Amino acid sequence: MRLKNTIRIGLFSLVLFLCGMSGPALHAQTPPPIADDLSNVIWLDADVSSWKQTANLRCVTISSSHITLDYDKARVWPENLNANPWIFVYRNNNWYAATWEWLRFGQTVKGLYAVNGDHIKKDPLTTFTPRTGELYGFMVSGTARNHVSPNVRERSNIVMLNWKVPSTNFAAAAPAHLGPNLLLLDKRFK
């Protein structure tokens, strides 16, 4: 595999594959990296920065109607409401982290419509709508939304994704053989 661009984003970096993205769109508004210790994040729901990173968010896949968060604790954490998906949004020179939905036991897919301010319901992201070309982070944690007691104090790594709702699927993925601390942009998917 020949790689054109390499970007490190701390401990939470992963291999990122993009389909249909051009180079200039990716670098147009690149925000600063999220700190390894998450100290530059403003938490709109529970601050989970001290929770152990036990889950592996292997892949975030977006289709024209759904988002899939392929994480390895979907059938491990306690049943019923077992997780919250998070989005990291860079606004006004700050990274904001907010949950945007609930995940049931075994669930990894949500409607794409849920990734917006109507589901975040917290200022300053109440009017948030993902924009093509912007970089967002995604994470999954035990329940942390709306002051609910956590079922587990565990979370996943963060997967950074350049937003583009395609007519076909594309994915931000971390192949296990490449390890969790590298963000690579694969030229084959441009």
N, C-alpha and C. Protein backbone atom coordinates (compact mmCIF):
# COMPACT_ATOMS: atom_id res chain seq x y z
N MET A 1 0.84 -1.16 0.00
CA MET A 1 0.00 0.00 0.00
C MET A 1 0.89 1.24 0.00
N ARG A 2 0.64 2.16 -0.91
CA ARG A 2 1.40 3.40 -0.98
C ARG A 2 0.57 4.50 -0.34
N LEU A 3 1.15 5.24 0.59
CA LEU A 3 0.44 6.25 1.34
C LEU A 3 0.92 7.64 0.96
N LYS A 4 -0.03 8.52 0.72
CA LYS A 4 0.31 9.87 0.30
C LYS A 4 0.52 10.81 1.49
N ASN A 5 -0.40 10.77 2.47
CA ASN A 5 -0.36 11.69 3.60
C ASN A 5 -0.35 10.91 4.90
N THR A 6 0.38 11.36 5.88
CA THR A 6 0.38 10.77 7.20
C THR A 6 0.19 11.88 8.22
N ILE A 7 -0.77 11.71 9.10
CA ILE A 7 -1.06 12.70 10.13
C ILE A 7 -1.16 11.96 11.46
N ARG A 8 -0.48 12.45 12.52
CA ARG A 8 -0.62 11.86 13.85
C ARG A 8 -1.58 12.68 14.66
N ILE A 9 -2.48 12.00 15.34
CA ILE A 9 -3.40 12.68 16.24
C ILE A 9 -3.37 11.93 17.57
N GLY A 10 -2.23 11.85 18.19
CA GLY A 10 -2.09 11.30 19.53
C GLY A 10 -2.48 9.85 19.66
N LEU A 11 -2.79 9.48 20.90
CA LEU A 11 -3.12 8.09 21.22
C LEU A 11 -4.39 7.62 20.55
N PHE A 12 -5.23 8.56 20.12
CA PHE A 12 -6.52 8.19 19.59
C PHE A 12 -6.53 8.09 18.07
N SER A 13 -5.37 8.13 17.46
CA SER A 13 -5.27 8.11 16.01
C SER A 13 -5.51 6.72 15.47
N LEU A 14 -6.03 6.69 14.27
CA LEU A 14 -6.30 5.43 13.61
C LEU A 14 -6.05 5.57 12.13
N VAL A 15 -6.08 4.45 11.44
CA VAL A 15 -5.95 4.48 9.98
C VAL A 15 -7.28 4.94 9.42
N LEU A 16 -7.24 5.89 8.51
CA LEU A 16 -8.45 6.47 7.96
C LEU A 16 -8.46 6.26 6.46
N PHE A 17 -9.48 5.60 5.96
CA PHE A 17 -9.63 5.41 4.53
C PHE A 17 -10.77 6.30 4.07
N LEU A 18 -10.56 7.05 3.01
CA LEU A 18 -11.59 7.94 2.49
C LEU A 18 -11.87 7.60 1.04
N CYS A 19 -13.15 7.53 0.68
CA CYS A 19 -13.53 7.32 -0.71
C CYS A 19 -14.05 8.63 -1.28
N GLY A 20 -13.61 8.96 -2.44
CA GLY A 20 -14.14 10.11 -3.13
C GLY A 20 -13.73 11.45 -2.57
N MET A 21 -12.75 11.51 -1.69
CA MET A 21 -12.32 12.79 -1.12
C MET A 21 -11.10 13.29 -1.88
N SER A 22 -11.10 14.57 -2.16
CA SER A 22 -9.94 15.16 -2.79
C SER A 22 -9.01 15.70 -1.72
N GLY A 23 -7.74 15.80 -2.02
CA GLY A 23 -6.76 16.29 -1.07
C GLY A 23 -7.06 17.67 -0.53
N PRO A 24 -7.35 18.69 -1.36
CA PRO A 24 -7.61 20.03 -0.84
C PRO A 24 -8.79 20.08 0.11
N ALA A 25 -9.85 19.32 -0.14
CA ALA A 25 -11.01 19.35 0.75
C ALA A 25 -10.64 18.86 2.13
N LEU A 26 -9.73 17.89 2.19
CA LEU A 26 -9.34 17.33 3.47
C LEU A 26 -8.58 18.34 4.30
N HIS A 27 -7.75 19.15 3.70
CA HIS A 27 -6.89 20.06 4.44
C HIS A 27 -7.42 21.48 4.53
N ALA A 28 -8.62 21.74 4.00
CA ALA A 28 -9.14 23.10 3.95
C ALA A 28 -9.28 23.72 5.33
N GLN A 29 -9.83 23.00 6.30
CA GLN A 29 -10.05 23.54 7.63
C GLN A 29 -9.63 22.52 8.67
N THR A 30 -8.41 22.08 8.63
CA THR A 30 -7.95 21.08 9.58
C THR A 30 -7.78 21.71 10.95
N PRO A 31 -8.56 21.27 11.94
CA PRO A 31 -8.44 21.80 13.29
C PRO A 31 -7.21 21.22 13.99
N PRO A 32 -6.84 21.80 15.13
CA PRO A 32 -5.73 21.21 15.88
C PRO A 32 -6.12 19.82 16.38
N PRO A 33 -5.16 18.97 16.65
CA PRO A 33 -5.50 17.62 17.12
C PRO A 33 -6.14 17.64 18.50
N ILE A 34 -6.91 16.61 18.77
CA ILE A 34 -7.45 16.40 20.11
C ILE A 34 -6.29 15.91 20.97
N ALA A 35 -6.12 16.51 22.14
CA ALA A 35 -5.00 16.16 23.03
C ALA A 35 -5.10 14.70 23.47
N ASP A 36 -3.94 14.06 23.65
CA ASP A 36 -3.90 12.67 24.09
C ASP A 36 -4.72 12.44 25.36
N ASP A 37 -4.65 13.40 26.29
CA ASP A 37 -5.37 13.27 27.55
C ASP A 37 -6.76 13.91 27.51
N LEU A 38 -7.17 14.35 26.33
CA LEU A 38 -8.47 14.98 26.09
C LEU A 38 -8.65 16.29 26.85
N SER A 39 -7.56 16.91 27.25
CA SER A 39 -7.63 18.14 28.05
C SER A 39 -8.11 19.35 27.25
N ASN A 40 -8.10 19.27 25.93
CA ASN A 40 -8.60 20.39 25.13
C ASN A 40 -10.02 20.15 24.61
N VAL A 41 -10.76 19.29 25.31
CA VAL A 41 -12.13 18.97 24.94
C VAL A 41 -13.08 19.57 25.98
N ILE A 42 -14.14 20.20 25.51
CA ILE A 42 -15.22 20.67 26.37
C ILE A 42 -16.33 19.64 26.29
N TRP A 43 -16.66 19.03 27.43
CA TRP A 43 -17.62 17.93 27.48
C TRP A 43 -19.03 18.47 27.68
N LEU A 44 -19.94 18.19 26.76
CA LEU A 44 -21.32 18.64 26.87
C LEU A 44 -22.19 17.62 27.59
N ASP A 45 -21.73 16.41 27.68
CA ASP A 45 -22.35 15.38 28.51
C ASP A 45 -21.29 15.03 29.57
N ALA A 46 -21.40 13.88 30.19
CA ALA A 46 -20.44 13.50 31.24
C ALA A 46 -19.01 13.56 30.70
N ASP A 47 -18.09 14.03 31.52
CA ASP A 47 -16.67 14.04 31.16
C ASP A 47 -16.14 12.62 31.34
N VAL A 48 -15.92 11.94 30.22
CA VAL A 48 -15.48 10.55 30.27
C VAL A 48 -13.98 10.42 30.01
N SER A 49 -13.25 11.53 30.08
CA SER A 49 -11.82 11.51 29.76
C SER A 49 -11.03 10.58 30.69
N SER A 50 -11.52 10.37 31.91
CA SER A 50 -10.80 9.50 32.85
C SER A 50 -11.26 8.04 32.76
N TRP A 51 -12.28 7.77 31.95
CA TRP A 51 -12.75 6.40 31.81
C TRP A 51 -11.72 5.59 31.03
N LYS A 52 -11.57 4.34 31.39
CA LYS A 52 -10.59 3.49 30.72
C LYS A 52 -10.99 3.26 29.26
N GLN A 53 -9.99 3.31 28.40
CA GLN A 53 -10.21 3.02 26.99
C GLN A 53 -10.07 1.51 26.80
N THR A 54 -11.19 0.81 26.92
CA THR A 54 -11.20 -0.65 26.80
C THR A 54 -11.80 -1.13 25.49
N ALA A 55 -12.60 -0.28 24.87
CA ALA A 55 -13.27 -0.67 23.63
C ALA A 55 -12.47 -0.25 22.42
N ASN A 56 -12.61 -1.00 21.35
CA ASN A 56 -11.96 -0.68 20.09
C ASN A 56 -13.03 -0.31 19.07
N LEU A 57 -13.07 0.98 18.72
CA LEU A 57 -13.94 1.44 17.63
C LEU A 57 -13.15 1.20 16.35
N ARG A 58 -13.48 0.09 15.69
CA ARG A 58 -12.70 -0.35 14.53
C ARG A 58 -13.00 0.45 13.29
N CYS A 59 -14.25 0.89 13.15
CA CYS A 59 -14.66 1.46 11.89
C CYS A 59 -15.89 2.33 12.09
N VAL A 60 -15.92 3.47 11.41
CA VAL A 60 -17.12 4.31 11.33
C VAL A 60 -17.47 4.37 9.85
N THR A 61 -18.65 3.85 9.49
CA THR A 61 -19.06 3.78 8.10
C THR A 61 -20.31 4.64 7.92
N ILE A 62 -20.30 5.44 6.88
CA ILE A 62 -21.44 6.30 6.60
C ILE A 62 -22.00 5.96 5.22
N SER A 63 -23.32 5.72 5.18
CA SER A 63 -24.01 5.57 3.90
C SER A 63 -24.91 6.79 3.74
N SER A 64 -25.71 6.81 2.72
CA SER A 64 -26.59 7.96 2.51
C SER A 64 -27.69 8.05 3.57
N SER A 65 -27.91 6.98 4.35
CA SER A 65 -28.98 7.02 5.34
C SER A 65 -28.59 6.52 6.73
N HIS A 66 -27.42 5.88 6.88
CA HIS A 66 -27.05 5.30 8.17
C HIS A 66 -25.60 5.57 8.53
N ILE A 67 -25.32 5.49 9.83
CA ILE A 67 -23.95 5.53 10.34
C ILE A 67 -23.76 4.26 11.16
N THR A 68 -22.65 3.58 10.91
CA THR A 68 -22.31 2.36 11.64
C THR A 68 -21.07 2.61 12.46
N LEU A 69 -21.14 2.31 13.75
CA LEU A 69 -20.01 2.42 14.66
C LEU A 69 -19.63 1.00 15.06
N ASP A 70 -18.67 0.43 14.38
CA ASP A 70 -18.27 -0.96 14.59
C ASP A 70 -17.31 -1.03 15.77
N TYR A 71 -17.86 -1.29 16.96
CA TYR A 71 -17.02 -1.37 18.16
C TYR A 71 -17.18 -2.74 18.81
N ASP A 72 -16.15 -3.16 19.51
CA ASP A 72 -16.09 -4.54 20.00
C ASP A 72 -16.79 -4.78 21.34
N LYS A 73 -17.44 -3.80 21.93
CA LYS A 73 -18.14 -3.99 23.21
C LYS A 73 -19.66 -3.96 23.06
N ALA A 74 -20.15 -3.97 21.83
CA ALA A 74 -21.60 -3.90 21.58
C ALA A 74 -22.35 -5.05 22.24
N ARG A 75 -21.71 -6.21 22.36
CA ARG A 75 -22.33 -7.37 23.00
C ARG A 75 -21.60 -7.78 24.28
N VAL A 76 -20.83 -6.84 24.84
CA VAL A 76 -20.07 -7.11 26.06
C VAL A 76 -20.59 -6.26 27.22
N TRP A 77 -20.77 -4.96 26.98
CA TRP A 77 -21.26 -4.08 28.04
C TRP A 77 -22.69 -4.50 28.39
N PRO A 78 -23.15 -4.17 29.61
CA PRO A 78 -24.47 -4.63 30.07
C PRO A 78 -25.60 -4.34 29.09
N GLU A 79 -26.62 -5.21 29.16
CA GLU A 79 -27.74 -5.17 28.22
C GLU A 79 -28.63 -3.94 28.38
N ASN A 80 -29.66 -3.88 27.58
CA ASN A 80 -30.61 -2.78 27.44
C ASN A 80 -29.90 -1.59 26.81
N LEU A 81 -29.92 -0.42 27.43
CA LEU A 81 -29.16 0.71 26.90
C LEU A 81 -27.72 0.51 27.33
N ASN A 82 -26.85 0.17 26.39
CA ASN A 82 -25.50 -0.17 26.82
C ASN A 82 -24.42 0.78 26.37
N ALA A 83 -24.74 1.81 25.55
CA ALA A 83 -23.67 2.70 25.10
C ALA A 83 -24.24 4.00 24.55
N ASN A 84 -23.38 4.98 24.44
CA ASN A 84 -23.69 6.24 23.76
C ASN A 84 -22.63 6.50 22.70
N PRO A 85 -23.05 6.87 21.49
CA PRO A 85 -22.09 7.33 20.49
C PRO A 85 -21.81 8.81 20.75
N TRP A 86 -20.56 9.21 20.50
CA TRP A 86 -20.12 10.60 20.70
C TRP A 86 -19.65 11.18 19.37
N ILE A 87 -19.77 12.51 19.28
CA ILE A 87 -19.16 13.24 18.18
C ILE A 87 -18.30 14.34 18.79
N PHE A 88 -17.13 14.56 18.20
CA PHE A 88 -16.22 15.64 18.59
C PHE A 88 -16.27 16.67 17.46
N VAL A 89 -16.68 17.89 17.80
CA VAL A 89 -16.89 18.95 16.82
C VAL A 89 -16.00 20.13 17.20
N TYR A 90 -15.28 20.67 16.21
CA TYR A 90 -14.44 21.85 16.44
C TYR A 90 -15.20 23.10 16.05
N ARG A 91 -15.52 23.93 17.05
CA ARG A 91 -16.24 25.18 16.84
C ARG A 91 -15.65 26.26 17.74
N ASN A 92 -15.56 27.48 17.24
CA ASN A 92 -15.11 28.63 18.04
C ASN A 92 -13.79 28.34 18.75
N ASN A 93 -12.86 27.72 18.03
CA ASN A 93 -11.52 27.41 18.55
C ASN A 93 -11.53 26.43 19.71
N ASN A 94 -12.56 25.59 19.79
CA ASN A 94 -12.64 24.58 20.85
C ASN A 94 -13.15 23.27 20.27
N TRP A 95 -12.67 22.16 20.85
CA TRP A 95 -13.25 20.86 20.57
C TRP A 95 -14.38 20.64 21.57
N TYR A 96 -15.57 20.30 21.09
CA TYR A 96 -16.71 19.95 21.93
C TYR A 96 -17.01 18.48 21.71
N ALA A 97 -17.31 17.78 22.81
CA ALA A 97 -17.70 16.37 22.71
C ALA A 97 -19.11 16.23 23.26
N ALA A 98 -19.96 15.55 22.49
CA ALA A 98 -21.35 15.37 22.91
C ALA A 98 -21.86 14.01 22.43
N THR A 99 -22.73 13.43 23.24
CA THR A 99 -23.43 12.23 22.80
C THR A 99 -24.57 12.67 21.89
N TRP A 100 -24.97 11.78 20.99
CA TRP A 100 -26.06 12.14 20.09
C TRP A 100 -27.13 11.06 19.98
N GLU A 101 -26.99 9.99 20.73
CA GLU A 101 -27.98 8.92 20.65
C GLU A 101 -27.68 7.89 21.73
N TRP A 102 -28.52 6.86 21.79
CA TRP A 102 -28.35 5.70 22.66
C TRP A 102 -28.13 4.48 21.77
N LEU A 103 -27.36 3.51 22.27
CA LEU A 103 -27.18 2.24 21.56
C LEU A 103 -27.68 1.13 22.48
N ARG A 104 -28.53 0.26 21.92
CA ARG A 104 -29.00 -0.91 22.66
C ARG A 104 -27.94 -2.02 22.60
N PHE A 105 -28.12 -3.04 23.39
CA PHE A 105 -27.23 -4.19 23.39
C PHE A 105 -27.12 -4.74 21.97
N GLY A 106 -25.90 -4.84 21.45
CA GLY A 106 -25.66 -5.38 20.12
C GLY A 106 -25.84 -4.39 18.98
N GLN A 107 -26.35 -3.21 19.24
CA GLN A 107 -26.63 -2.23 18.18
C GLN A 107 -25.36 -1.45 17.82
N THR A 108 -25.11 -1.31 16.54
CA THR A 108 -23.99 -0.52 16.04
C THR A 108 -24.41 0.45 14.94
N VAL A 109 -25.66 0.42 14.52
CA VAL A 109 -26.14 1.24 13.40
C VAL A 109 -27.22 2.20 13.89
N LYS A 110 -27.13 3.45 13.48
CA LYS A 110 -28.15 4.47 13.76
C LYS A 110 -28.48 5.19 12.46
N GLY A 111 -29.61 5.85 12.42
CA GLY A 111 -29.97 6.66 11.27
C GLY A 111 -29.04 7.87 11.20
N LEU A 112 -28.61 8.21 10.01
CA LEU A 112 -27.69 9.32 9.83
C LEU A 112 -28.30 10.65 10.29
N TYR A 113 -29.61 10.75 10.22
CA TYR A 113 -30.31 11.97 10.65
C TYR A 113 -30.01 12.32 12.12
N ALA A 114 -29.62 11.33 12.93
CA ALA A 114 -29.40 11.55 14.37
C ALA A 114 -28.09 12.29 14.66
N VAL A 115 -27.19 12.36 13.70
CA VAL A 115 -25.91 13.05 13.93
C VAL A 115 -26.13 14.53 13.66
N ASN A 116 -26.80 15.21 14.60
CA ASN A 116 -27.06 16.64 14.46
C ASN A 116 -27.49 17.24 15.78
N GLY A 117 -27.64 18.55 15.79
CA GLY A 117 -27.97 19.29 17.01
C GLY A 117 -29.29 18.90 17.64
N ASP A 118 -30.28 18.48 16.83
CA ASP A 118 -31.56 18.05 17.38
C ASP A 118 -31.40 16.86 18.32
N HIS A 119 -30.38 16.05 18.09
CA HIS A 119 -30.14 14.89 18.94
C HIS A 119 -29.08 15.17 20.01
N ILE A 120 -28.20 16.12 19.75
CA ILE A 120 -27.21 16.49 20.77
C ILE A 120 -27.90 17.24 21.90
N LYS A 121 -28.72 18.21 21.56
CA LYS A 121 -29.55 18.95 22.52
C LYS A 121 -28.77 19.72 23.57
N LYS A 122 -27.53 20.11 23.26
CA LYS A 122 -26.72 20.86 24.22
C LYS A 122 -26.05 22.02 23.49
N ASP A 123 -26.12 23.22 24.12
CA ASP A 123 -25.41 24.37 23.57
C ASP A 123 -23.91 24.16 23.70
N PRO A 124 -23.12 24.59 22.75
CA PRO A 124 -23.44 25.39 21.58
C PRO A 124 -23.72 24.56 20.33
N LEU A 125 -24.05 23.28 20.48
CA LEU A 125 -24.24 22.42 19.31
C LEU A 125 -25.71 22.12 19.01
N THR A 126 -26.63 22.87 19.58
CA THR A 126 -28.06 22.60 19.34
C THR A 126 -28.46 22.80 17.89
N THR A 127 -27.73 23.63 17.16
CA THR A 127 -28.04 23.85 15.74
C THR A 127 -27.02 23.19 14.81
N PHE A 128 -26.18 22.33 15.38
CA PHE A 128 -25.11 21.68 14.61
C PHE A 128 -25.68 20.79 13.51
N THR A 129 -25.11 20.90 12.34
CA THR A 129 -25.35 20.00 11.22
C THR A 129 -23.98 19.68 10.61
N PRO A 130 -23.64 18.40 10.43
CA PRO A 130 -22.34 18.08 9.82
C PRO A 130 -22.20 18.72 8.45
N ARG A 131 -21.00 19.20 8.16
CA ARG A 131 -20.73 19.86 6.88
C ARG A 131 -19.71 19.05 6.10
N THR A 132 -19.97 18.88 4.83
CA THR A 132 -19.03 18.18 3.96
C THR A 132 -17.67 18.86 4.04
N GLY A 133 -16.63 18.06 4.21
CA GLY A 133 -15.26 18.56 4.26
C GLY A 133 -14.75 18.83 5.66
N GLU A 134 -15.64 18.82 6.67
CA GLU A 134 -15.18 19.07 8.04
C GLU A 134 -14.74 17.76 8.70
N LEU A 135 -13.76 17.90 9.60
CA LEU A 135 -13.21 16.77 10.33
C LEU A 135 -13.93 16.63 11.66
N TYR A 136 -14.45 15.44 11.95
CA TYR A 136 -15.13 15.14 13.20
C TYR A 136 -14.51 13.90 13.82
N GLY A 137 -14.61 13.80 15.14
CA GLY A 137 -14.19 12.60 15.84
C GLY A 137 -15.41 11.82 16.29
N PHE A 138 -15.28 10.50 16.32
CA PHE A 138 -16.36 9.64 16.81
C PHE A 138 -15.80 8.69 17.86
N MET A 139 -16.61 8.42 18.86
CA MET A 139 -16.22 7.55 19.97
C MET A 139 -17.49 6.90 20.50
N VAL A 140 -17.34 5.80 21.23
CA VAL A 140 -18.45 5.14 21.90
C VAL A 140 -18.04 4.97 23.35
N SER A 141 -19.00 5.15 24.27
CA SER A 141 -18.73 4.94 25.70
C SER A 141 -19.90 4.22 26.34
N GLY A 142 -19.68 3.77 27.59
CA GLY A 142 -20.80 3.32 28.39
C GLY A 142 -21.77 4.48 28.53
N THR A 143 -22.94 4.25 29.10
CA THR A 143 -23.96 5.29 29.17
C THR A 143 -23.44 6.53 29.91
N ALA A 144 -23.58 7.69 29.25
CA ALA A 144 -23.05 8.95 29.79
C ALA A 144 -23.94 10.13 29.42
N ARG A 145 -25.08 9.88 28.88
CA ARG A 145 -25.95 10.93 28.33
C ARG A 145 -26.97 11.37 29.38
N ASN A 146 -27.23 12.68 29.43
CA ASN A 146 -28.32 13.23 30.25
C ASN A 146 -28.24 12.83 31.73
N HIS A 147 -27.06 12.80 32.27
CA HIS A 147 -26.85 12.53 33.70
C HIS A 147 -27.31 11.14 34.14
N VAL A 148 -27.40 10.20 33.20
CA VAL A 148 -27.75 8.82 33.55
C VAL A 148 -26.53 8.18 34.21
N SER A 149 -26.77 7.38 35.24
CA SER A 149 -25.66 6.66 35.87
C SER A 149 -25.03 5.72 34.87
N PRO A 150 -23.70 5.73 34.78
CA PRO A 150 -23.04 4.87 33.78
C PRO A 150 -23.20 3.40 34.11
N ASN A 151 -23.42 2.62 33.05
CA ASN A 151 -23.47 1.17 33.21
C ASN A 151 -22.06 0.61 33.37
N VAL A 152 -21.10 1.21 32.67
CA VAL A 152 -19.67 0.91 32.80
C VAL A 152 -18.92 2.22 32.60
N ARG A 153 -17.81 2.38 33.23
CA ARG A 153 -16.97 3.57 33.05
C ARG A 153 -15.84 3.21 32.08
N GLU A 154 -16.27 2.96 30.84
CA GLU A 154 -15.35 2.55 29.79
C GLU A 154 -15.71 3.29 28.51
N ARG A 155 -14.72 3.43 27.63
CA ARG A 155 -14.94 4.12 26.37
C ARG A 155 -14.03 3.51 25.31
N SER A 156 -14.25 3.97 24.08
CA SER A 156 -13.43 3.50 22.96
C SER A 156 -12.37 4.55 22.63
N ASN A 157 -11.57 4.23 21.65
CA ASN A 157 -10.69 5.19 21.00
C ASN A 157 -11.54 6.17 20.20
N ILE A 158 -10.91 7.21 19.69
CA ILE A 158 -11.60 8.18 18.84
C ILE A 158 -11.17 7.93 17.40
N VAL A 159 -12.14 7.88 16.51
CA VAL A 159 -11.87 7.75 15.07
C VAL A 159 -12.19 9.11 14.44
N MET A 160 -11.21 9.69 13.77
CA MET A 160 -11.40 10.97 13.08
C MET A 160 -11.90 10.69 11.66
N LEU A 161 -12.90 11.48 11.23
CA LEU A 161 -13.54 11.24 9.95
C LEU A 161 -13.80 12.57 9.25
N ASN A 162 -13.39 12.66 8.00
CA ASN A 162 -13.69 13.82 7.18
C ASN A 162 -15.09 13.58 6.60
N TRP A 163 -16.03 14.43 6.96
CA TRP A 163 -17.45 14.20 6.65
C TRP A 163 -17.76 14.35 5.17
N LYS A 164 -18.40 13.34 4.64
CA LYS A 164 -18.96 13.39 3.30
C LYS A 164 -20.00 12.29 3.23
N VAL A 165 -21.23 12.67 3.00
CA VAL A 165 -22.29 11.68 2.85
C VAL A 165 -22.27 11.24 1.41
N PRO A 166 -21.84 10.02 1.17
CA PRO A 166 -21.68 9.52 -0.20
C PRO A 166 -22.94 8.84 -0.72
N SER A 167 -22.91 8.55 -2.00
CA SER A 167 -23.97 7.74 -2.56
C SER A 167 -23.67 6.25 -2.32
N THR A 168 -22.40 5.96 -2.03
CA THR A 168 -22.01 4.61 -1.63
C THR A 168 -21.23 4.72 -0.34
N ASN A 169 -21.02 3.61 0.34
CA ASN A 169 -20.35 3.63 1.64
C ASN A 169 -18.88 3.99 1.55
N PHE A 170 -18.38 4.65 2.59
CA PHE A 170 -16.95 4.80 2.81
C PHE A 170 -16.73 4.64 4.29
N ALA A 171 -15.50 4.41 4.67
CA ALA A 171 -15.26 4.08 6.07
C ALA A 171 -13.99 4.71 6.59
N ALA A 172 -14.02 5.02 7.86
CA ALA A 172 -12.82 5.36 8.61
C ALA A 172 -12.52 4.09 9.38
N ALA A 173 -11.38 3.48 9.13
CA ALA A 173 -11.14 2.16 9.69
C ALA A 173 -9.74 2.05 10.26
N ALA A 174 -9.59 1.14 11.18
CA ALA A 174 -8.30 0.88 11.79
C ALA A 174 -7.99 -0.60 11.65
N PRO A 175 -7.33 -1.01 10.59
CA PRO A 175 -6.95 -2.41 10.48
C PRO A 175 -6.07 -2.80 11.66
N ALA A 176 -6.41 -3.90 12.31
CA ALA A 176 -5.72 -4.31 13.52
C ALA A 176 -4.22 -4.48 13.32
N HIS A 177 -3.79 -4.93 12.15
CA HIS A 177 -2.38 -5.19 11.93
C HIS A 177 -1.55 -3.91 11.85
N LEU A 178 -2.19 -2.74 11.72
CA LEU A 178 -1.44 -1.49 11.64
C LEU A 178 -1.38 -0.76 12.97
N GLY A 179 -2.10 -1.24 13.99
CA GLY A 179 -2.03 -0.63 15.31
C GLY A 179 -2.91 0.60 15.43
N PRO A 180 -3.11 1.08 16.68
CA PRO A 180 -4.08 2.13 16.94
C PRO A 180 -3.56 3.56 16.91
N ASN A 181 -2.28 3.80 16.68
CA ASN A 181 -1.76 5.15 16.84
C ASN A 181 -1.29 5.81 15.57
N LEU A 182 -1.92 5.49 14.45
CA LEU A 182 -1.48 6.03 13.18
C LEU A 182 -2.67 6.42 12.34
N LEU A 183 -2.65 7.61 11.79
CA LEU A 183 -3.71 8.05 10.90
C LEU A 183 -3.10 8.14 9.51
N LEU A 184 -3.64 7.39 8.58
CA LEU A 184 -3.10 7.35 7.22
C LEU A 184 -4.21 7.63 6.23
N LEU A 185 -3.90 8.34 5.21
CA LEU A 185 -4.87 8.61 4.16
C LEU A 185 -4.48 7.78 2.95
N ASP A 186 -5.34 6.88 2.56
CA ASP A 186 -5.03 5.94 1.49
C ASP A 186 -5.42 6.54 0.15
N LYS A 187 -4.45 6.73 -0.72
CA LYS A 187 -4.62 7.34 -2.04
C LYS A 187 -5.60 6.55 -2.92
N ARG A 188 -5.70 5.23 -2.71
CA ARG A 188 -6.57 4.41 -3.54
C ARG A 188 -8.02 4.84 -3.46
N PHE A 189 -8.42 5.50 -2.37
CA PHE A 189 -9.82 5.82 -2.16
C PHE A 189 -10.15 7.26 -2.49
N LYS A 190 -9.28 7.94 -3.26
CA LYS A 190 -9.55 9.32 -3.63
C LYS A 190 -10.19 9.39 -5.00
